[in-house]
Amino acid sequence: MFKGGISDQARTRARREAEAGDLAPVYRLAYVSRASSLFQPEDLQKINEQSSLRNAEADITGILIVDSGKIMQILEGREDRVRALFERIAQDPRHESVKQVAGNERSQRLLHCWSMVGLQTGLVSGEVMERYHDFHDHLSGVAERVEIAVEQVDLLKTISILSALPG
């Protein structure tokens, strides 16, 4: 009945709640923007450090790529938390032309353990970055929200991984 001061009933309830959290739908939001004149290269390191801590507490995962003034980010987590974070980002004066391009509930995360920022994209091949710029330009021009495909998320993951390698 009691093991270590916790009833079997409480232990079972806690296990069910934890399992339900893993099965809960996730909200995926993507946006594009342009860096304003206030955006400085050293801001990326600060953003990476601060967002890693805050997003972990809020159970938000994501990926952020900045190259040649083009910003793209995908965020995943509870809808209310992701939307609140996006509203803060949209009000940040370091961004111009902020445009949400995707936002929908999904059954699972594509960025389960991600909180990476592409810091030194100059280390990534020109072909890969050209695909990023084409993707950013495409999303900047869409009139309706779109579905972000696994292959597109993989492109951003590739850029993040390669940009994290020592030069």
C-alpha atoms as a PDB file:
ATOM      1  CA  MET A   1       0.000   0.000   0.000  1.00  0.00           C
ATOM      2  CA  PHE A   2       2.631   2.577   0.995  1.00  0.00           C
ATOM      3  CA  LYS A   3       6.154   2.571  -0.379  1.00  0.00           C
ATOM      4  CA  GLY A   4       8.514   5.268   0.752  1.00  0.00           C
ATOM      5  CA  GLY A   5       5.661   7.433   2.071  1.00  0.00           C
ATOM      6  CA  ILE A   6       3.771   7.567  -1.259  1.00  0.00           C
ATOM      7  CA  SER A   7       0.559   5.587  -1.739  1.00  0.00           C
ATOM      8  CA  ASP A   8       0.207   3.243  -4.687  1.00  0.00           C
ATOM      9  CA  GLN A   9      -2.760   5.331  -5.815  1.00  0.00           C
ATOM     10  CA  ALA A  10      -0.708   8.548  -5.834  1.00  0.00           C
ATOM     11  CA  ARG A  11       2.138   6.799  -7.637  1.00  0.00           C
ATOM     12  CA  THR A  12      -0.272   5.485 -10.307  1.00  0.00           C
ATOM     13  CA  ARG A  13      -1.885   8.925 -10.726  1.00  0.00           C
ATOM     14  CA  ALA A  14       1.542  10.572 -11.112  1.00  0.00           C
ATOM     15  CA  ARG A  15       2.593   7.984 -13.691  1.00  0.00           C
ATOM     16  CA  ARG A  16      -0.616   8.553 -15.698  1.00  0.00           C
ATOM     17  CA  GLU A  17      -0.125  12.332 -15.643  1.00  0.00           C
ATOM     18  CA  ALA A  18       3.467  11.969 -16.834  1.00  0.00           C
ATOM     19  CA  GLU A  19       2.419   9.628 -19.625  1.00  0.00           C
ATOM     20  CA  ALA A  20      -0.404  11.948 -20.655  1.00  0.00           C
ATOM     21  CA  GLY A  21       2.103  14.783 -20.942  1.00  0.00           C
ATOM     22  CA  ASP A  22       4.136  12.759 -23.415  1.00  0.00           C
ATOM     23  CA  LEU A  23       1.022  12.026 -25.462  1.00  0.00           C
ATOM     24  CA  ALA A  24      -0.342  15.569 -25.397  1.00  0.00           C
ATOM     25  CA  PRO A  25      -0.490  17.341 -28.747  1.00  0.00           C
ATOM     26  CA  VAL A  26       2.167  19.928 -29.467  1.00  0.00           C
ATOM     27  CA  TYR A  27       1.728  23.313 -31.131  1.00  0.00           C
ATOM     28  CA  ARG A  28       4.236  24.099 -33.893  1.00  0.00           C
ATOM     29  CA  LEU A  29       4.692  27.738 -34.895  1.00  0.00           C
ATOM     30  CA  ALA A  30       7.099  29.071 -37.506  1.00  0.00           C
ATOM     31  CA  TYR A  31       7.876  32.645 -38.379  1.00  0.00           C
ATOM     32  CA  VAL A  32      10.208  34.607 -40.611  1.00  0.00           C
ATOM     33  CA  SER A  33      11.508  38.137 -40.155  1.00  0.00           C
ATOM     34  CA  ARG A  34      14.336  40.450 -41.103  1.00  0.00           C
ATOM     35  CA  ALA A  35      16.944  41.724 -38.675  1.00  0.00           C
ATOM     36  CA  SER A  36      16.577  45.417 -37.929  1.00  0.00           C
ATOM     37  CA  SER A  37      19.528  47.767 -37.560  1.00  0.00           C
ATOM     38  CA  LEU A  38      19.298  47.103 -33.792  1.00  0.00           C
ATOM     39  CA  PHE A  39      20.192  43.431 -34.283  1.00  0.00           C
ATOM     40  CA  GLN A  40      23.872  42.901 -33.493  1.00  0.00           C
ATOM     41  CA  PRO A  41      25.926  39.721 -34.074  1.00  0.00           C
ATOM     42  CA  GLU A  42      26.566  39.359 -30.325  1.00  0.00           C
ATOM     43  CA  ASP A  43      22.791  39.251 -29.755  1.00  0.00           C
ATOM     44  CA  LEU A  44      22.695  35.672 -31.046  1.00  0.00           C
ATOM     45  CA  GLN A  45      24.878  34.369 -28.248  1.00  0.00           C
ATOM     46  CA  LYS A  46      22.746  36.189 -25.647  1.00  0.00           C
ATOM     47  CA  ILE A  47      19.536  34.899 -27.235  1.00  0.00           C
ATOM     48  CA  ASN A  48      20.927  31.364 -27.245  1.00  0.00           C
ATOM     49  CA  GLU A  49      21.897  31.485 -23.565  1.00  0.00           C
ATOM     50  CA  GLN A  50      18.710  33.151 -22.314  1.00  0.00           C
ATOM     51  CA  SER A  51      16.257  31.207 -24.458  1.00  0.00           C
ATOM     52  CA  SER A  52      17.819  27.850 -23.596  1.00  0.00           C
ATOM     53  CA  LEU A  53      17.007  28.373 -19.922  1.00  0.00           C
ATOM     54  CA  ARG A  54      13.594  30.000 -20.318  1.00  0.00           C
ATOM     55  CA  ASN A  55      12.391  27.635 -23.010  1.00  0.00           C
ATOM     56  CA  ALA A  56      13.448  24.580 -21.022  1.00  0.00           C
ATOM     57  CA  GLU A  57      11.383  25.816 -18.064  1.00  0.00           C
ATOM     58  CA  ALA A  58       8.384  26.383 -20.375  1.00  0.00           C
ATOM     59  CA  ASP A  59       8.919  23.050 -22.196  1.00  0.00           C
ATOM     60  CA  ILE A  60       9.386  24.862 -25.500  1.00  0.00           C
ATOM     61  CA  THR A  61      11.790  23.464 -28.062  1.00  0.00           C
ATOM     62  CA  GLY A  62      12.843  25.100 -31.272  1.00  0.00           C
ATOM     63  CA  ILE A  63      15.433  26.153 -33.731  1.00  0.00           C
ATOM     64  CA  LEU A  64      16.534  29.637 -34.833  1.00  0.00           C
ATOM     65  CA  ILE A  65      18.583  30.449 -37.929  1.00  0.00           C
ATOM     66  CA  VAL A  66      19.895  33.911 -38.775  1.00  0.00           C
ATOM     67  CA  ASP A  67      21.884  34.565 -41.932  1.00  0.00           C
ATOM     68  CA  SER A  68      22.368  37.769 -43.926  1.00  0.00           C
ATOM     69  CA  GLY A  69      19.622  39.448 -41.946  1.00  0.00           C
ATOM     70  CA  LYS A  70      17.097  36.694 -42.655  1.00  0.00           C
ATOM     71  CA  ILE A  71      15.613  35.180 -39.509  1.00  0.00           C
ATOM     72  CA  MET A  72      13.595  31.978 -39.316  1.00  0.00           C
ATOM     73  CA  GLN A  73      12.458  30.167 -36.199  1.00  0.00           C
ATOM     74  CA  ILE A  74      10.298  27.156 -35.428  1.00  0.00           C
ATOM     75  CA  LEU A  75       8.906  26.747 -31.915  1.00  0.00           C
ATOM     76  CA  GLU A  76       7.128  23.743 -30.409  1.00  0.00           C
ATOM     77  CA  GLY A  77       5.335  23.293 -27.098  1.00  0.00           C
ATOM     78  CA  ARG A  78       2.049  24.023 -25.386  1.00  0.00           C
ATOM     79  CA  GLU A  79       0.033  26.367 -27.581  1.00  0.00           C
ATOM     80  CA  ASP A  80      -0.470  29.087 -24.966  1.00  0.00           C
ATOM     81  CA  ARG A  81       3.235  29.173 -24.126  1.00  0.00           C
ATOM     82  CA  VAL A  82       4.391  29.139 -27.768  1.00  0.00           C
ATOM     83  CA  ARG A  83       1.949  31.896 -28.708  1.00  0.00           C
ATOM     84  CA  ALA A  84       3.040  34.030 -25.732  1.00  0.00           C
ATOM     85  CA  LEU A  85       6.697  33.616 -26.707  1.00  0.00           C
ATOM     86  CA  PHE A  86       5.941  34.513 -30.315  1.00  0.00           C
ATOM     87  CA  GLU A  87       4.111  37.672 -29.198  1.00  0.00           C
ATOM     88  CA  ARG A  88       7.221  38.746 -27.242  1.00  0.00           C
ATOM     89  CA  ILE A  89       9.412  38.031 -30.266  1.00  0.00           C
ATOM     90  CA  ALA A  90       7.076  39.950 -32.592  1.00  0.00           C
ATOM     91  CA  GLN A  91       7.400  43.016 -30.330  1.00  0.00           C
ATOM     92  CA  ASP A  92      11.216  42.806 -30.189  1.00  0.00           C
ATOM     93  CA  PRO A  93      12.629  45.868 -32.017  1.00  0.00           C
ATOM     94  CA  ARG A  94      15.478  43.753 -33.382  1.00  0.00           C
ATOM     95  CA  HIS A  95      12.946  42.210 -35.804  1.00  0.00           C
ATOM     96  CA  GLU A  96      11.285  43.783 -38.832  1.00  0.00           C
ATOM     97  CA  SER A  97       8.529  42.307 -40.989  1.00  0.00           C
ATOM     98  CA  VAL A  98       7.719  39.524 -38.525  1.00  0.00           C
ATOM     99  CA  LYS A  99       5.376  37.069 -40.202  1.00  0.00           C
ATOM    100  CA  GLN A 100       3.926  33.907 -38.719  1.00  0.00           C
ATOM    101  CA  VAL A 101       3.979  31.372 -41.548  1.00  0.00           C
ATOM    102  CA  ALA A 102       2.834  28.210 -39.748  1.00  0.00           C
ATOM    103  CA  GLY A 103       0.888  27.404 -36.637  1.00  0.00           C
ATOM    104  CA  ASN A 104      -0.910  24.180 -35.981  1.00  0.00           C
ATOM    105  CA  GLU A 105      -1.354  21.372 -33.528  1.00  0.00           C
ATOM    106  CA  ARG A 106       0.666  18.258 -34.264  1.00  0.00           C
ATOM    107  CA  SER A 107       0.790  14.823 -32.692  1.00  0.00           C
ATOM    108  CA  GLN A 108       4.533  14.950 -32.019  1.00  0.00           C
ATOM    109  CA  ARG A 109       7.510  17.268 -31.953  1.00  0.00           C
ATOM    110  CA  LEU A 110      10.018  17.451 -34.769  1.00  0.00           C
ATOM    111  CA  LEU A 111      12.396  19.350 -32.478  1.00  0.00           C
ATOM    112  CA  HIS A 112      12.074  17.145 -29.393  1.00  0.00           C
ATOM    113  CA  CYS A 113      15.458  17.977 -27.846  1.00  0.00           C
ATOM    114  CA  TRP A 114      16.338  21.113 -29.780  1.00  0.00           C
ATOM    115  CA  SER A 115      17.076  24.592 -28.526  1.00  0.00           C
ATOM    116  CA  MET A 116      19.806  25.474 -30.984  1.00  0.00           C
ATOM    117  CA  VAL A 117      20.712  28.709 -32.683  1.00  0.00           C
ATOM    118  CA  GLY A 118      22.696  28.812 -35.928  1.00  0.00           C
ATOM    119  CA  LEU A 119      25.484  31.121 -34.764  1.00  0.00           C
ATOM    120  CA  GLN A 120      28.158  30.954 -37.462  1.00  0.00           C
ATOM    121  CA  THR A 121      26.350  30.057 -40.642  1.00  0.00           C
ATOM    122  CA  GLY A 122      29.389  31.166 -42.648  1.00  0.00           C
ATOM    123  CA  LEU A 123      30.819  27.711 -41.941  1.00  0.00           C
ATOM    124  CA  VAL A 124      27.927  26.044 -43.789  1.00  0.00           C
ATOM    125  CA  SER A 125      28.261  25.297 -47.519  1.00  0.00           C
ATOM    126  CA  GLY A 126      26.891  27.824 -49.974  1.00  0.00           C
ATOM    127  CA  GLU A 127      24.488  25.260 -51.427  1.00  0.00           C
ATOM    128  CA  VAL A 128      22.881  24.570 -48.049  1.00  0.00           C
ATOM    129  CA  MET A 129      22.586  28.273 -47.252  1.00  0.00           C
ATOM    130  CA  GLU A 130      21.108  28.916 -50.693  1.00  0.00           C
ATOM    131  CA  ARG A 131      18.370  26.407 -49.857  1.00  0.00           C
ATOM    132  CA  TYR A 132      17.792  28.268 -46.567  1.00  0.00           C
ATOM    133  CA  HIS A 133      17.499  31.629 -48.345  1.00  0.00           C
ATOM    134  CA  ASP A 134      15.127  30.168 -50.946  1.00  0.00           C
ATOM    135  CA  PHE A 135      13.002  28.680 -48.146  1.00  0.00           C
ATOM    136  CA  HIS A 136      12.983  31.992 -46.226  1.00  0.00           C
ATOM    137  CA  ASP A 137      12.065  33.944 -49.365  1.00  0.00           C
ATOM    138  CA  HIS A 138       9.294  31.478 -50.192  1.00  0.00           C
ATOM    139  CA  LEU A 139       7.815  31.724 -46.685  1.00  0.00           C
ATOM    140  CA  SER A 140       8.101  35.513 -46.699  1.00  0.00           C
ATOM    141  CA  GLY A 141       5.923  35.578 -49.814  1.00  0.00           C
ATOM    142  CA  VAL A 142       3.183  33.110 -48.866  1.00  0.00           C
ATOM    143  CA  ALA A 143      -0.270  34.558 -48.310  1.00  0.00           C
ATOM    144  CA  GLU A 144      -1.568  31.748 -46.095  1.00  0.00           C
ATOM    145  CA  ARG A 145      -0.037  29.667 -43.351  1.00  0.00           C
ATOM    146  CA  VAL A 146       1.715  26.565 -44.591  1.00  0.00           C
ATOM    147  CA  GLU A 147       2.748  23.193 -43.257  1.00  0.00           C
ATOM    148  CA  ILE A 148       6.445  22.965 -42.422  1.00  0.00           C
ATOM    149  CA  ALA A 149       7.694  19.642 -43.818  1.00  0.00           C
ATOM    150  CA  VAL A 150      10.092  17.310 -42.042  1.00  0.00           C
ATOM    151  CA  GLU A 151      12.642  17.905 -44.829  1.00  0.00           C
ATOM    152  CA  GLN A 152      12.532  21.641 -44.200  1.00  0.00           C
ATOM    153  CA  VAL A 153      13.066  21.151 -40.479  1.00  0.00           C
ATOM    154  CA  ASP A 154      15.962  18.831 -41.321  1.00  0.00           C
ATOM    155  CA  LEU A 155      17.514  21.633 -43.396  1.00  0.00           C
ATOM    156  CA  LEU A 156      17.445  23.931 -40.349  1.00  0.00           C
ATOM    157  CA  LYS A 157      18.850  21.170 -38.135  1.00  0.00           C
ATOM    158  CA  THR A 158      21.690  20.626 -40.607  1.00  0.00           C
ATOM    159  CA  ILE A 159      22.548  24.324 -40.581  1.00  0.00           C
ATOM    160  CA  SER A 160      22.503  24.407 -36.767  1.00  0.00           C
ATOM    161  CA  ILE A 161      24.701  21.347 -36.426  1.00  0.00           C
ATOM    162  CA  LEU A 162      27.210  22.513 -39.020  1.00  0.00           C
ATOM    163  CA  SER A 163      27.330  26.044 -37.650  1.00  0.00           C
ATOM    164  CA  ALA A 164      28.080  24.658 -34.179  1.00  0.00           C
ATOM    165  CA  LEU A 165      31.229  22.897 -35.398  1.00  0.00           C
ATOM    166  CA  PRO A 166      34.545  24.590 -34.643  1.00  0.00           C
ATOM    167  CA  GLY A 167      35.811  26.648 -37.570  1.00  0.00           C
END
